[in-house]
Amino acid sequence: RKLALKYHPDKNPDNPEAAEKFKEINNAHATLTDLSKRNIYDKYGSLGLYVAEQFGEENVNTYFMLSSWWAKVLFAVCGLLTGCYLCCCLCCCFNCCCGKCKPKAPEGEEQEFCVSPEDLEEQIKNDMERDGETPIILQPTNATEKTQLIGDSHRSYRTD
């Protein structure tokens, strides 16, 4: 309280450092009076308070547990032993594949991996013509009739 009174901005109007010191004192007072924040500060320090602001006070213990060295080592060992770091994670996380999970091409056929846009367009046109349908290549023109929605008459919600 004494420090708060000493550095209060009303008592030191020309000193911007006093205003900053007053904010720090208020922040420290808020931390010490709140039991949950005080426990977090006692266990993890100011980094714990920062984590509590970012992830919530209930997740601080989980964050520090998962960021410990033994949790990282356990995660790495489990991933290597189960083979999770091979094809599954590459395919799901990085959108690439090592080739183990790739389906095999039928014998006698070569699988084409890259199709040019021109070839794809030609193939679609051929498929449509073979089925007897012609592709729609133009947008329909807009209507020339005037309805109540697009007309020049007065708009009203009455039905009479």
Protein backbone atom coordinates (compact mmCIF):
# COMPACT_ATOMS: atom_id res chain seq x y z
CA ARG A 1 0.00 0.00 0.00
CA LYS A 2 2.81 2.34 0.83
CA LEU A 3 4.43 1.76 -2.55
CA ALA A 4 1.11 2.22 -4.33
CA LEU A 5 0.59 5.55 -2.57
CA LYS A 6 4.16 6.60 -3.31
CA TYR A 7 3.96 5.84 -7.07
CA HIS A 8 0.31 6.82 -7.66
CA PRO A 9 -0.04 8.76 -10.96
CA ASP A 10 -2.06 11.51 -9.27
CA LYS A 11 0.83 12.24 -6.90
CA ASN A 12 3.41 12.05 -9.72
CA PRO A 13 1.71 13.57 -12.78
CA ASP A 14 4.96 14.44 -14.59
CA ASN A 15 6.71 11.11 -14.02
CA PRO A 16 5.81 8.35 -16.57
CA GLU A 17 8.07 5.87 -14.75
CA ALA A 18 5.89 6.24 -11.66
CA ALA A 19 2.82 5.26 -13.67
CA GLU A 20 4.57 2.11 -14.94
CA LYS A 21 5.74 1.25 -11.42
CA PHE A 22 2.16 1.74 -10.17
CA LYS A 23 0.88 -0.72 -12.80
CA GLU A 24 3.47 -3.28 -11.72
CA ILE A 25 2.44 -2.86 -8.07
CA ASN A 26 -1.24 -3.32 -8.95
CA ASN A 27 -0.42 -6.43 -10.97
CA ALA A 28 1.60 -7.89 -8.09
CA HIS A 29 -1.22 -7.10 -5.65
CA ALA A 30 -3.78 -8.83 -7.91
CA THR A 31 -1.54 -11.90 -8.15
CA LEU A 32 -0.92 -12.13 -4.42
CA THR A 33 -4.57 -11.69 -3.42
CA ASP A 34 -5.89 -14.35 -5.83
CA LEU A 35 -5.12 -17.76 -4.30
CA SER A 36 -5.06 -19.61 -7.63
CA LYS A 37 -2.69 -17.10 -9.26
CA ARG A 38 -0.52 -17.08 -6.15
CA ASN A 39 -0.15 -20.87 -6.23
CA ILE A 40 0.75 -20.76 -9.92
CA TYR A 41 3.31 -18.02 -9.28
CA ASP A 42 4.80 -19.96 -6.36
CA LYS A 43 5.20 -23.11 -8.50
CA TYR A 44 6.16 -21.74 -11.91
CA GLY A 45 6.95 -18.02 -11.51
CA SER A 46 5.98 -15.34 -14.02
CA LEU A 47 6.09 -17.86 -16.89
CA GLY A 48 3.32 -19.77 -15.12
CA LEU A 49 1.19 -16.62 -14.99
CA TYR A 50 1.81 -16.04 -18.69
CA VAL A 51 0.78 -19.63 -19.49
CA ALA A 52 -2.33 -19.19 -17.34
CA GLU A 53 -3.29 -16.12 -19.37
CA GLN A 54 -2.77 -17.97 -22.65
CA PHE A 55 -4.24 -21.41 -21.90
CA GLY A 56 -6.27 -20.94 -18.72
CA GLU A 57 -5.40 -21.58 -15.11
CA GLU A 58 -6.65 -25.17 -15.21
CA ASN A 59 -4.19 -26.09 -18.00
CA VAL A 60 -0.98 -24.75 -16.46
CA ASN A 61 0.03 -28.05 -14.83
CA THR A 62 -0.66 -29.97 -18.05
CA TYR A 63 1.41 -27.52 -20.09
CA PHE A 64 4.43 -27.78 -17.83
CA MET A 65 4.10 -31.56 -17.57
CA LEU A 66 4.05 -31.96 -21.37
CA SER A 67 6.93 -29.53 -21.85
CA SER A 68 9.19 -31.41 -19.44
CA TRP A 69 12.14 -33.34 -20.85
CA TRP A 70 10.86 -36.76 -19.79
CA ALA A 71 7.49 -36.23 -21.55
CA LYS A 72 9.27 -35.27 -24.76
CA VAL A 73 11.53 -38.34 -24.54
CA LEU A 74 8.52 -40.59 -23.82
CA PHE A 75 6.65 -39.19 -26.81
CA ALA A 76 9.65 -39.72 -29.10
CA VAL A 77 10.29 -43.30 -27.88
CA CYS A 78 6.62 -44.29 -28.21
CA GLY A 79 6.48 -42.82 -31.70
CA LEU A 80 9.58 -44.66 -32.85
CA LEU A 81 8.60 -47.98 -31.29
CA THR A 82 5.11 -47.97 -32.77
CA GLY A 83 6.27 -46.78 -36.19
CA CYS A 84 4.03 -43.74 -36.02
CA TYR A 85 6.77 -41.46 -37.27
CA LEU A 86 6.97 -43.30 -40.56
CA CYS A 87 4.21 -43.27 -43.15
CA CYS A 88 1.15 -42.30 -41.08
CA CYS A 89 2.53 -39.10 -39.65
CA LEU A 90 4.19 -38.11 -42.90
CA CYS A 91 0.96 -38.55 -44.80
CA CYS A 92 -1.33 -36.92 -42.24
CA CYS A 93 0.87 -34.10 -40.96
CA PHE A 94 3.06 -33.17 -43.92
CA ASN A 95 0.85 -34.26 -46.85
CA CYS A 96 3.44 -36.60 -48.29
CA CYS A 97 3.93 -40.34 -48.22
CA CYS A 98 6.95 -42.61 -48.05
CA GLY A 99 5.26 -45.09 -50.40
CA LYS A 100 4.63 -47.96 -47.99
CA CYS A 101 0.89 -47.29 -47.79
CA LYS A 102 0.48 -46.46 -51.48
CA PRO A 103 -1.78 -48.90 -53.38
CA LYS A 104 -0.02 -51.10 -55.90
CA ALA A 105 -0.71 -50.51 -59.59
CA PRO A 106 -2.27 -53.46 -61.44
CA GLU A 107 0.22 -55.51 -63.43
CA GLY A 108 0.66 -54.38 -67.01
CA GLU A 109 -0.59 -50.87 -66.31
CA GLU A 110 1.54 -47.92 -65.52
CA GLN A 111 0.08 -45.41 -63.14
CA GLU A 112 0.25 -41.81 -64.34
CA PHE A 113 0.90 -39.37 -61.52
CA CYS A 114 0.77 -36.02 -63.31
CA VAL A 115 -2.08 -35.04 -65.61
CA SER A 116 -1.90 -31.75 -67.43
CA PRO A 117 -4.98 -29.49 -67.34
CA GLU A 118 -5.33 -29.70 -71.12
CA ASP A 119 -5.39 -33.50 -71.07
CA LEU A 120 -7.91 -33.49 -68.25
CA GLU A 121 -10.17 -31.05 -70.11
CA GLU A 122 -9.96 -33.17 -73.28
CA GLN A 123 -10.80 -36.31 -71.32
CA ILE A 124 -13.87 -34.65 -69.76
CA LYS A 125 -15.09 -33.46 -73.17
CA ASN A 126 -14.63 -36.94 -74.66
CA ASP A 127 -16.52 -38.54 -71.75
CA MET A 128 -19.39 -36.06 -72.10
CA GLU A 129 -19.65 -36.54 -75.88
CA ARG A 130 -19.57 -40.32 -75.50
CA ASP A 131 -22.43 -40.14 -72.98
CA GLY A 132 -24.43 -37.96 -75.37
CA GLU A 133 -24.33 -34.86 -73.21
CA THR A 134 -22.76 -31.62 -74.29
CA PRO A 135 -20.89 -29.61 -71.71
CA ILE A 136 -22.29 -26.26 -70.65
CA ILE A 137 -19.75 -23.64 -71.56
CA LEU A 138 -21.81 -20.42 -71.43
CA GLN A 139 -23.63 -18.80 -68.58
CA PRO A 140 -27.35 -18.21 -69.09
CA THR A 141 -28.35 -14.67 -70.00
CA ASN A 142 -30.23 -12.57 -67.46
CA ALA A 143 -34.00 -12.28 -67.63
CA THR A 144 -35.58 -9.37 -69.49
CA GLU A 145 -38.99 -9.60 -67.85
CA LYS A 146 -39.88 -7.26 -65.02
CA THR A 147 -41.37 -8.81 -61.92
CA GLN A 148 -42.41 -7.11 -58.72
CA LEU A 149 -39.00 -7.85 -57.24
CA ILE A 150 -37.04 -6.09 -59.98
CA GLY A 151 -39.71 -3.79 -61.41
CA ASP A 152 -40.14 -0.05 -61.13
CA SER A 153 -43.37 -0.20 -59.13
CA HIS A 154 -43.77 0.72 -55.46
CA ARG A 155 -42.89 -2.15 -53.13
CA SER A 156 -45.31 -3.03 -50.35
CA TYR A 157 -45.99 -5.88 -47.95
CA ARG A 158 -49.74 -5.46 -48.16
CA THR A 159 -51.67 -8.01 -50.19
CA ASP A 160 -54.66 -5.87 -51.26
